[in-house]
Amino acid sequence: MAPPTKSTKVATRGAKQIVEENVSTLNFYRNMVFIASGVYLVTMLVFFSFTTLTISLTVLTAVTYVASYQFMAYMARPNFGESGQILDSGIDLNMEGGIAEHVKDLIILTAGCQVLSLTTNYFWWLWILAPLRGFYMLWTKLLAPWFFSSPAPQPEMDEKKQRKLERKMARRQ
């Protein structure tokens, strides 16, 4: 006979650990932005010339980086009490399925497009994946279920209620 299985408690992370992981996540993505932008700018200055297209796309990447990073920093901002104790750890940036996951993907996509565009400007077209994914998520999570949901089934009536309803309808005619 097998010994009884012991129920195990799922380990939860404390507020302090979430704050520390959020800081390290923000540092990682900040470094990714600086490295990708640095490599791009140095390479462009040394080997290539800036055109109107490359200047426009560089400014757009900078805006995307700053907006994404600031949004993640705002989400992860912890609240401390008077004694320095953590009251709220902020939103966990490493949570699966959260909005931070999509923002991190946008930073990765932008950095990849920026660095890969050093070989050819056609790699900037990869950036179109961001709005396509946004529309796909909007369709699958919100619009399609709303458009294609079946109407709620009518509760079935017993015979007595059905006859009563029929008599009522007959009187009205």
N, C-alpha and C. Protein backbone atom coordinates (compact mmCIF):
# COMPACT_ATOMS: atom_id res chain seq x y z
N MET A 1 0.85 -1.17 0.00
CA MET A 1 0.00 0.00 0.00
C MET A 1 0.89 1.24 0.00
N ALA A 2 0.56 2.18 -0.84
CA ALA A 2 1.37 3.40 -0.98
C ALA A 2 1.10 4.33 0.19
N PRO A 3 2.15 5.01 0.64
CA PRO A 3 1.94 5.96 1.74
C PRO A 3 1.08 7.13 1.25
N PRO A 4 0.32 7.71 2.17
CA PRO A 4 -0.54 8.82 1.75
C PRO A 4 0.31 9.99 1.25
N THR A 5 -0.17 10.60 0.20
CA THR A 5 0.57 11.74 -0.34
C THR A 5 0.32 12.96 0.51
N LYS A 6 1.36 13.68 0.71
CA LYS A 6 1.29 14.88 1.52
C LYS A 6 1.02 16.07 0.60
N SER A 7 0.03 16.86 0.95
CA SER A 7 -0.26 18.02 0.10
C SER A 7 0.84 19.05 0.33
N THR A 8 1.35 19.53 -0.77
CA THR A 8 2.42 20.52 -0.66
C THR A 8 1.86 21.89 -0.96
N LYS A 9 2.34 22.85 -0.25
CA LYS A 9 1.91 24.23 -0.42
C LYS A 9 2.72 24.85 -1.56
N VAL A 10 2.04 25.55 -2.41
CA VAL A 10 2.72 26.23 -3.50
C VAL A 10 3.50 27.39 -2.91
N ALA A 11 4.75 27.47 -3.26
CA ALA A 11 5.60 28.52 -2.71
C ALA A 11 5.20 29.86 -3.30
N THR A 12 5.00 30.81 -2.43
CA THR A 12 4.69 32.16 -2.87
C THR A 12 5.90 33.04 -2.59
N ARG A 13 5.99 34.07 -3.37
CA ARG A 13 7.13 34.97 -3.20
C ARG A 13 6.69 36.13 -2.35
N GLY A 14 7.58 36.56 -1.51
CA GLY A 14 7.29 37.69 -0.65
C GLY A 14 7.44 39.00 -1.38
N ALA A 15 6.95 40.05 -0.74
CA ALA A 15 6.99 41.38 -1.35
C ALA A 15 8.43 41.83 -1.59
N LYS A 16 9.32 41.51 -0.64
CA LYS A 16 10.72 41.92 -0.79
C LYS A 16 11.36 41.24 -2.00
N GLN A 17 11.06 39.98 -2.21
CA GLN A 17 11.62 39.25 -3.35
C GLN A 17 11.08 39.80 -4.67
N ILE A 18 9.80 40.15 -4.70
CA ILE A 18 9.21 40.73 -5.92
C ILE A 18 9.88 42.05 -6.25
N VAL A 19 10.10 42.89 -5.22
CA VAL A 19 10.76 44.18 -5.44
C VAL A 19 12.16 43.97 -5.99
N GLU A 20 12.91 43.02 -5.41
CA GLU A 20 14.28 42.76 -5.88
C GLU A 20 14.29 42.24 -7.32
N GLU A 21 13.36 41.34 -7.65
CA GLU A 21 13.30 40.81 -9.01
C GLU A 21 12.88 41.89 -10.00
N ASN A 22 11.98 42.78 -9.59
CA ASN A 22 11.58 43.88 -10.47
C ASN A 22 12.75 44.80 -10.75
N VAL A 23 13.56 45.08 -9.74
CA VAL A 23 14.74 45.94 -9.93
C VAL A 23 15.71 45.28 -10.90
N SER A 24 15.95 43.98 -10.72
CA SER A 24 16.88 43.30 -11.63
C SER A 24 16.31 43.21 -13.04
N THR A 25 15.01 43.03 -13.19
CA THR A 25 14.39 43.01 -14.52
C THR A 25 14.52 44.36 -15.20
N LEU A 26 14.25 45.43 -14.47
CA LEU A 26 14.38 46.77 -15.03
C LEU A 26 15.83 47.06 -15.43
N ASN A 27 16.78 46.63 -14.61
CA ASN A 27 18.19 46.82 -14.94
C ASN A 27 18.56 46.06 -16.21
N PHE A 28 18.06 44.84 -16.35
CA PHE A 28 18.35 44.03 -17.53
C PHE A 28 17.86 44.71 -18.80
N TYR A 29 16.62 45.17 -18.79
CA TYR A 29 16.06 45.79 -19.99
C TYR A 29 16.66 47.17 -20.25
N ARG A 30 17.03 47.89 -19.21
CA ARG A 30 17.73 49.16 -19.40
C ARG A 30 19.07 48.91 -20.09
N ASN A 31 19.81 47.90 -19.62
CA ASN A 31 21.10 47.56 -20.24
C ASN A 31 20.91 47.11 -21.69
N MET A 32 19.84 46.35 -21.96
CA MET A 32 19.57 45.90 -23.32
C MET A 32 19.35 47.11 -24.24
N VAL A 33 18.59 48.08 -23.75
CA VAL A 33 18.31 49.28 -24.55
C VAL A 33 19.60 50.05 -24.82
N PHE A 34 20.42 50.25 -23.78
CA PHE A 34 21.66 51.01 -23.95
C PHE A 34 22.63 50.30 -24.89
N ILE A 35 22.74 48.99 -24.77
CA ILE A 35 23.67 48.25 -25.62
C ILE A 35 23.20 48.27 -27.07
N ALA A 36 21.92 47.99 -27.31
CA ALA A 36 21.40 47.98 -28.68
C ALA A 36 21.53 49.37 -29.31
N SER A 37 21.15 50.40 -28.56
CA SER A 37 21.25 51.75 -29.10
C SER A 37 22.70 52.17 -29.31
N GLY A 38 23.56 51.82 -28.39
CA GLY A 38 24.98 52.16 -28.51
C GLY A 38 25.62 51.51 -29.70
N VAL A 39 25.38 50.21 -29.87
CA VAL A 39 25.94 49.49 -31.02
C VAL A 39 25.41 50.10 -32.31
N TYR A 40 24.14 50.40 -32.36
CA TYR A 40 23.53 50.97 -33.57
C TYR A 40 24.13 52.34 -33.88
N LEU A 41 24.16 53.22 -32.89
CA LEU A 41 24.64 54.59 -33.14
C LEU A 41 26.11 54.62 -33.51
N VAL A 42 26.94 53.86 -32.80
CA VAL A 42 28.38 53.85 -33.11
C VAL A 42 28.61 53.28 -34.51
N THR A 43 27.96 52.19 -34.83
CA THR A 43 28.13 51.59 -36.15
C THR A 43 27.65 52.52 -37.25
N MET A 44 26.52 53.18 -37.01
CA MET A 44 26.00 54.11 -38.03
C MET A 44 26.94 55.30 -38.21
N LEU A 45 27.51 55.80 -37.12
CA LEU A 45 28.41 56.95 -37.22
C LEU A 45 29.72 56.59 -37.90
N VAL A 46 30.21 55.38 -37.66
CA VAL A 46 31.52 54.99 -38.20
C VAL A 46 31.41 54.50 -39.65
N PHE A 47 30.45 53.63 -39.93
CA PHE A 47 30.43 52.97 -41.23
C PHE A 47 29.37 53.49 -42.20
N PHE A 48 28.31 54.08 -41.73
CA PHE A 48 27.20 54.47 -42.59
C PHE A 48 26.90 55.95 -42.42
N SER A 49 25.95 56.42 -43.19
CA SER A 49 25.49 57.81 -43.02
C SER A 49 24.01 57.78 -42.66
N PHE A 50 23.62 58.75 -41.90
CA PHE A 50 22.22 58.85 -41.51
C PHE A 50 21.42 59.49 -42.64
N THR A 51 20.28 58.88 -42.92
CA THR A 51 19.34 59.43 -43.88
C THR A 51 18.10 59.87 -43.11
N THR A 52 17.19 60.47 -43.82
CA THR A 52 15.94 60.88 -43.17
C THR A 52 15.22 59.66 -42.59
N LEU A 53 15.24 58.56 -43.33
CA LEU A 53 14.59 57.34 -42.86
C LEU A 53 15.24 56.82 -41.59
N THR A 54 16.56 56.72 -41.58
CA THR A 54 17.23 56.16 -40.40
C THR A 54 17.11 57.09 -39.20
N ILE A 55 17.13 58.39 -39.43
CA ILE A 55 16.94 59.33 -38.31
C ILE A 55 15.54 59.19 -37.75
N SER A 56 14.55 59.11 -38.62
CA SER A 56 13.16 58.97 -38.17
C SER A 56 12.96 57.68 -37.38
N LEU A 57 13.50 56.59 -37.89
CA LEU A 57 13.34 55.31 -37.20
C LEU A 57 14.12 55.27 -35.90
N THR A 58 15.27 55.93 -35.83
CA THR A 58 16.04 55.99 -34.60
C THR A 58 15.29 56.78 -33.53
N VAL A 59 14.67 57.88 -33.94
CA VAL A 59 13.87 58.66 -32.98
C VAL A 59 12.67 57.84 -32.51
N LEU A 60 12.04 57.12 -33.44
CA LEU A 60 10.89 56.30 -33.07
C LEU A 60 11.29 55.17 -32.11
N THR A 61 12.46 54.58 -32.33
CA THR A 61 12.92 53.54 -31.39
C THR A 61 13.20 54.15 -30.03
N ALA A 62 13.78 55.33 -29.99
CA ALA A 62 14.06 55.98 -28.71
C ALA A 62 12.76 56.26 -27.96
N VAL A 63 11.76 56.73 -28.66
CA VAL A 63 10.46 56.99 -28.02
C VAL A 63 9.86 55.68 -27.49
N THR A 64 9.96 54.62 -28.29
CA THR A 64 9.44 53.31 -27.88
C THR A 64 10.17 52.80 -26.64
N TYR A 65 11.50 52.92 -26.65
CA TYR A 65 12.28 52.48 -25.50
C TYR A 65 11.90 53.24 -24.23
N VAL A 66 11.87 54.55 -24.33
CA VAL A 66 11.59 55.37 -23.15
C VAL A 66 10.18 55.11 -22.63
N ALA A 67 9.21 55.06 -23.53
CA ALA A 67 7.83 54.83 -23.10
C ALA A 67 7.67 53.45 -22.47
N SER A 68 8.26 52.43 -23.06
CA SER A 68 8.14 51.07 -22.53
C SER A 68 8.82 50.95 -21.18
N TYR A 69 10.03 51.48 -21.08
CA TYR A 69 10.77 51.39 -19.82
C TYR A 69 10.05 52.16 -18.72
N GLN A 70 9.60 53.36 -19.01
CA GLN A 70 8.91 54.16 -17.99
C GLN A 70 7.60 53.49 -17.56
N PHE A 71 6.91 52.86 -18.48
CA PHE A 71 5.68 52.16 -18.15
C PHE A 71 5.98 50.99 -17.21
N MET A 72 7.04 50.23 -17.51
CA MET A 72 7.40 49.12 -16.63
C MET A 72 7.85 49.63 -15.27
N ALA A 73 8.61 50.71 -15.23
CA ALA A 73 9.06 51.27 -13.95
C ALA A 73 7.88 51.77 -13.14
N TYR A 74 6.88 52.35 -13.80
CA TYR A 74 5.69 52.82 -13.10
C TYR A 74 4.90 51.65 -12.51
N MET A 75 4.78 50.58 -13.28
CA MET A 75 4.04 49.41 -12.80
C MET A 75 4.74 48.75 -11.62
N ALA A 76 6.06 48.77 -11.61
CA ALA A 76 6.82 48.06 -10.59
C ALA A 76 7.14 48.92 -9.37
N ARG A 77 6.66 50.15 -9.33
CA ARG A 77 6.99 51.05 -8.23
C ARG A 77 6.37 50.54 -6.92
N PRO A 78 7.22 50.25 -5.92
CA PRO A 78 6.70 49.78 -4.63
C PRO A 78 6.28 50.96 -3.74
N ASN A 79 5.40 50.67 -2.80
CA ASN A 79 4.98 51.66 -1.81
C ASN A 79 5.56 51.26 -0.46
N PHE A 80 6.23 52.20 0.19
CA PHE A 80 6.84 51.94 1.47
C PHE A 80 6.10 52.70 2.56
N GLY A 81 6.05 52.11 3.75
CA GLY A 81 5.44 52.77 4.90
C GLY A 81 6.43 53.73 5.54
N GLU A 82 5.98 54.36 6.62
CA GLU A 82 6.84 55.33 7.32
C GLU A 82 8.08 54.68 7.91
N SER A 83 7.95 53.43 8.31
CA SER A 83 9.09 52.74 8.91
C SER A 83 9.99 52.08 7.87
N GLY A 84 9.69 52.27 6.60
CA GLY A 84 10.50 51.66 5.54
C GLY A 84 10.03 50.28 5.16
N GLN A 85 8.94 49.83 5.76
CA GLN A 85 8.39 48.51 5.46
C GLN A 85 7.63 48.57 4.13
N ILE A 86 7.70 47.50 3.37
CA ILE A 86 7.03 47.45 2.07
C ILE A 86 5.53 47.24 2.29
N LEU A 87 4.73 48.22 1.85
CA LEU A 87 3.28 48.09 1.94
C LEU A 87 2.73 47.41 0.69
N ASP A 88 3.26 47.79 -0.47
CA ASP A 88 2.83 47.21 -1.74
C ASP A 88 4.07 47.04 -2.60
N SER A 89 4.26 45.85 -3.13
CA SER A 89 5.47 45.57 -3.91
C SER A 89 5.35 46.03 -5.36
N GLY A 90 4.23 46.55 -5.76
CA GLY A 90 4.03 46.90 -7.16
C GLY A 90 3.66 45.66 -7.94
N ILE A 91 3.47 45.81 -9.22
CA ILE A 91 3.10 44.68 -10.06
C ILE A 91 4.35 43.86 -10.38
N ASP A 92 4.22 42.55 -10.32
CA ASP A 92 5.33 41.65 -10.62
C ASP A 92 5.60 41.66 -12.12
N LEU A 93 6.77 42.16 -12.51
CA LEU A 93 7.11 42.25 -13.93
C LEU A 93 7.39 40.89 -14.55
N ASN A 94 7.65 39.88 -13.73
CA ASN A 94 8.00 38.56 -14.25
C ASN A 94 6.81 37.60 -14.24
N MET A 95 5.62 38.12 -13.99
CA MET A 95 4.42 37.30 -13.98
C MET A 95 4.05 36.90 -15.40
N GLU A 96 3.75 35.62 -15.60
CA GLU A 96 3.39 35.14 -16.93
C GLU A 96 1.99 35.62 -17.27
N GLY A 97 1.83 36.06 -18.51
CA GLY A 97 0.52 36.47 -18.97
C GLY A 97 0.14 37.89 -18.61
N GLY A 98 1.03 38.63 -17.97
CA GLY A 98 0.74 40.00 -17.59
C GLY A 98 1.09 40.98 -18.69
N ILE A 99 0.70 42.21 -18.50
CA ILE A 99 0.97 43.25 -19.49
C ILE A 99 2.47 43.51 -19.60
N ALA A 100 3.21 43.33 -18.51
CA ALA A 100 4.65 43.56 -18.55
C ALA A 100 5.34 42.61 -19.52
N GLU A 101 4.80 41.43 -19.68
CA GLU A 101 5.38 40.47 -20.61
C GLU A 101 5.32 41.01 -22.04
N HIS A 102 4.24 41.67 -22.39
CA HIS A 102 4.09 42.23 -23.72
C HIS A 102 4.99 43.45 -23.92
N VAL A 103 5.16 44.23 -22.86
CA VAL A 103 6.05 45.40 -22.95
C VAL A 103 7.49 44.94 -23.11
N LYS A 104 7.87 43.90 -22.39
CA LYS A 104 9.23 43.35 -22.53
C LYS A 104 9.44 42.81 -23.94
N ASP A 105 8.42 42.16 -24.50
CA ASP A 105 8.52 41.67 -25.87
C ASP A 105 8.70 42.82 -26.86
N LEU A 106 8.04 43.94 -26.60
CA LEU A 106 8.19 45.10 -27.48
C LEU A 106 9.61 45.64 -27.43
N ILE A 107 10.21 45.68 -26.23
CA ILE A 107 11.60 46.14 -26.11
C ILE A 107 12.54 45.20 -26.86
N ILE A 108 12.32 43.90 -26.71
CA ILE A 108 13.17 42.93 -27.39
C ILE A 108 13.03 43.04 -28.91
N LEU A 109 11.79 43.17 -29.38
CA LEU A 109 11.56 43.32 -30.82
C LEU A 109 12.21 44.59 -31.36
N THR A 110 12.09 45.69 -30.63
CA THR A 110 12.67 46.95 -31.07
C THR A 110 14.19 46.87 -31.11
N ALA A 111 14.79 46.27 -30.08
CA ALA A 111 16.25 46.13 -30.06
C ALA A 111 16.72 45.23 -31.20
N GLY A 112 15.99 44.15 -31.45
CA GLY A 112 16.35 43.26 -32.55
C GLY A 112 16.27 43.95 -33.90
N CYS A 113 15.19 44.69 -34.12
CA CYS A 113 15.04 45.42 -35.39
C CYS A 113 16.15 46.44 -35.55
N GLN A 114 16.46 47.13 -34.46
CA GLN A 114 17.47 48.18 -34.54
C GLN A 114 18.84 47.62 -34.89
N VAL A 115 19.23 46.56 -34.22
CA VAL A 115 20.56 45.98 -34.46
C VAL A 115 20.61 45.28 -35.83
N LEU A 116 19.55 44.54 -36.16
CA LEU A 116 19.55 43.84 -37.44
C LEU A 116 19.49 44.80 -38.62
N SER A 117 18.95 46.00 -38.41
CA SER A 117 18.86 46.96 -39.50
C SER A 117 20.23 47.49 -39.92
N LEU A 118 21.25 47.15 -39.17
CA LEU A 118 22.60 47.54 -39.58
C LEU A 118 23.03 46.78 -40.83
N THR A 119 22.45 45.60 -41.05
CA THR A 119 22.78 44.83 -42.25
C THR A 119 21.97 45.30 -43.45
N THR A 120 20.68 45.55 -43.23
CA THR A 120 19.83 46.08 -44.29
C THR A 120 18.63 46.77 -43.65
N ASN A 121 18.18 47.83 -44.29
CA ASN A 121 17.04 48.56 -43.75
C ASN A 121 15.74 47.78 -43.84
N TYR A 122 15.73 46.70 -44.58
CA TYR A 122 14.52 45.89 -44.67
C TYR A 122 14.15 45.24 -43.34
N PHE A 123 15.10 45.11 -42.43
CA PHE A 123 14.79 44.53 -41.12
C PHE A 123 13.86 45.42 -40.29
N TRP A 124 13.75 46.69 -40.66
CA TRP A 124 12.80 47.56 -39.95
C TRP A 124 11.37 47.07 -40.15
N TRP A 125 11.13 46.33 -41.23
CA TRP A 125 9.78 45.80 -41.49
C TRP A 125 9.35 44.80 -40.44
N LEU A 126 10.31 44.22 -39.70
CA LEU A 126 9.93 43.30 -38.61
C LEU A 126 9.14 44.01 -37.52
N TRP A 127 9.30 45.31 -37.46
CA TRP A 127 8.62 46.08 -36.44
C TRP A 127 7.10 46.05 -36.62
N ILE A 128 6.65 45.69 -37.81
CA ILE A 128 5.22 45.61 -38.08
C ILE A 128 4.59 44.46 -37.29
N LEU A 129 5.42 43.56 -36.74
CA LEU A 129 4.90 42.45 -35.95
C LEU A 129 4.22 42.94 -34.66
N ALA A 130 4.67 44.06 -34.13
CA ALA A 130 4.08 44.57 -32.87
C ALA A 130 2.61 44.92 -33.03
N PRO A 131 2.22 45.77 -33.99
CA PRO A 131 0.78 46.04 -34.11
C PRO A 131 -0.02 44.82 -34.60
N LEU A 132 0.61 43.96 -35.41
CA LEU A 132 -0.10 42.75 -35.83
C LEU A 132 -0.43 41.87 -34.63
N ARG A 133 0.51 41.73 -33.73
CA ARG A 133 0.26 40.93 -32.53
C ARG A 133 -0.80 41.61 -31.66
N GLY A 134 -0.75 42.93 -31.58
CA GLY A 134 -1.76 43.65 -30.81
C GLY A 134 -3.16 43.44 -31.37
N PHE A 135 -3.30 43.52 -32.70
CA PHE A 135 -4.61 43.28 -33.32
C PHE A 135 -5.05 41.84 -33.14
N TYR A 136 -4.11 40.90 -33.23
CA TYR A 136 -4.43 39.49 -33.02
C TYR A 136 -4.96 39.26 -31.61
N MET A 137 -4.27 39.84 -30.63
CA MET A 137 -4.71 39.67 -29.24
C MET A 137 -6.06 40.34 -29.01
N LEU A 138 -6.26 41.52 -29.60
CA LEU A 138 -7.54 42.21 -29.48
C LEU A 138 -8.65 41.36 -30.07
N TRP A 139 -8.39 40.74 -31.22
CA TRP A 139 -9.40 39.91 -31.86
C TRP A 139 -9.69 38.66 -31.05
N THR A 140 -8.64 37.93 -30.64
CA THR A 140 -8.87 36.65 -29.97
C THR A 140 -9.39 36.80 -28.54
N LYS A 141 -9.01 37.86 -27.86
CA LYS A 141 -9.39 38.00 -26.45
C LYS A 141 -10.67 38.80 -26.26
N LEU A 142 -10.97 39.71 -27.18
CA LEU A 142 -12.09 40.61 -26.94
C LEU A 142 -13.15 40.57 -28.03
N LEU A 143 -12.75 40.81 -29.26
CA LEU A 143 -13.75 40.98 -30.32
C LEU A 143 -14.41 39.67 -30.77
N ALA A 144 -13.62 38.65 -31.08
CA ALA A 144 -14.19 37.40 -31.58
C ALA A 144 -15.13 36.75 -30.56
N PRO A 145 -14.77 36.66 -29.29
CA PRO A 145 -15.74 36.08 -28.34
C PRO A 145 -17.03 36.91 -28.25
N TRP A 146 -16.91 38.20 -28.43
CA TRP A 146 -18.10 39.04 -28.34
C TRP A 146 -18.98 38.86 -29.58
N PHE A 147 -18.34 38.83 -30.78
CA PHE A 147 -19.12 38.68 -32.01
C PHE A 147 -19.73 37.29 -32.16
N PHE A 148 -18.98 36.27 -31.80
CA PHE A 148 -19.40 34.91 -32.09
C PHE A 148 -19.95 34.15 -30.89
N SER A 149 -20.26 34.84 -29.83
CA SER A 149 -20.82 34.15 -28.67
C SER A 149 -22.26 33.77 -28.97
N SER A 150 -22.63 32.59 -28.56
CA SER A 150 -24.01 32.15 -28.78
C SER A 150 -24.89 32.77 -27.70
N PRO A 151 -26.13 33.04 -28.05
CA PRO A 151 -27.02 33.63 -27.05
C PRO A 151 -27.25 32.66 -25.90
N ALA A 152 -27.52 33.22 -24.76
CA ALA A 152 -27.74 32.38 -23.58
C ALA A 152 -28.95 31.49 -23.82
N PRO A 153 -28.85 30.22 -23.49
CA PRO A 153 -29.98 29.32 -23.73
C PRO A 153 -31.17 29.69 -22.84
N GLN A 154 -32.36 29.57 -23.44
CA GLN A 154 -33.57 29.86 -22.70
C GLN A 154 -33.84 28.71 -21.73
N PRO A 155 -34.19 29.04 -20.50
CA PRO A 155 -34.51 27.95 -19.56
C PRO A 155 -35.78 27.24 -20.02
N GLU A 156 -35.75 25.93 -19.92
CA GLU A 156 -36.90 25.15 -20.35
C GLU A 156 -38.03 25.27 -19.33
N MET A 157 -39.23 25.38 -19.85
CA MET A 157 -40.39 25.49 -18.97
C MET A 157 -41.05 24.13 -18.84
N ASP A 158 -41.61 23.90 -17.68
CA ASP A 158 -42.35 22.66 -17.51
C ASP A 158 -43.71 22.80 -18.22
N GLU A 159 -44.44 21.72 -18.31
CA GLU A 159 -45.68 21.69 -19.08
C GLU A 159 -46.71 22.68 -18.55
N LYS A 160 -46.80 22.79 -17.25
CA LYS A 160 -47.81 23.66 -16.65
C LYS A 160 -47.56 25.12 -17.04
N LYS A 161 -46.31 25.57 -16.96
CA LYS A 161 -45.99 26.95 -17.33
C LYS A 161 -46.18 27.16 -18.82
N GLN A 162 -45.87 26.15 -19.61
CA GLN A 162 -46.04 26.26 -21.06
C GLN A 162 -47.52 26.44 -21.41
N ARG A 163 -48.40 25.65 -20.81
CA ARG A 163 -49.84 25.77 -21.08
C ARG A 163 -50.37 27.13 -20.63
N LYS A 164 -49.89 27.59 -19.47
CA LYS A 164 -50.32 28.89 -18.96
C LYS A 164 -49.90 30.00 -19.93
N LEU A 165 -48.70 29.94 -20.43
CA LEU A 165 -48.21 30.93 -21.38
C LEU A 165 -49.02 30.89 -22.68
N GLU A 166 -49.36 29.69 -23.14
CA GLU A 166 -50.16 29.54 -24.35
C GLU A 166 -51.55 30.16 -24.17
N ARG A 167 -52.18 29.92 -23.01
CA ARG A 167 -53.49 30.51 -22.73
C ARG A 167 -53.41 32.03 -22.71
N LYS A 168 -52.38 32.53 -22.11
CA LYS A 168 -52.19 33.97 -22.03
C LYS A 168 -52.03 34.58 -23.43
N MET A 169 -51.26 33.94 -24.27
CA MET A 169 -51.06 34.42 -25.64
C MET A 169 -52.35 34.32 -26.46
N ALA A 170 -53.16 33.28 -26.20
CA ALA A 170 -54.41 33.11 -26.92
C ALA A 170 -55.40 34.22 -26.54
N ARG A 171 -55.42 34.65 -25.26
CA ARG A 171 -56.31 35.71 -24.82
C ARG A 171 -55.95 37.04 -25.48
N ARG A 172 -54.69 37.27 -25.71
CA ARG A 172 -54.23 38.53 -26.30
C ARG A 172 -54.64 38.66 -27.74
N GLN A 173 -54.83 37.56 -28.43
CA GLN A 173 -55.15 37.61 -29.85
C GLN A 173 -56.57 37.81 -30.08
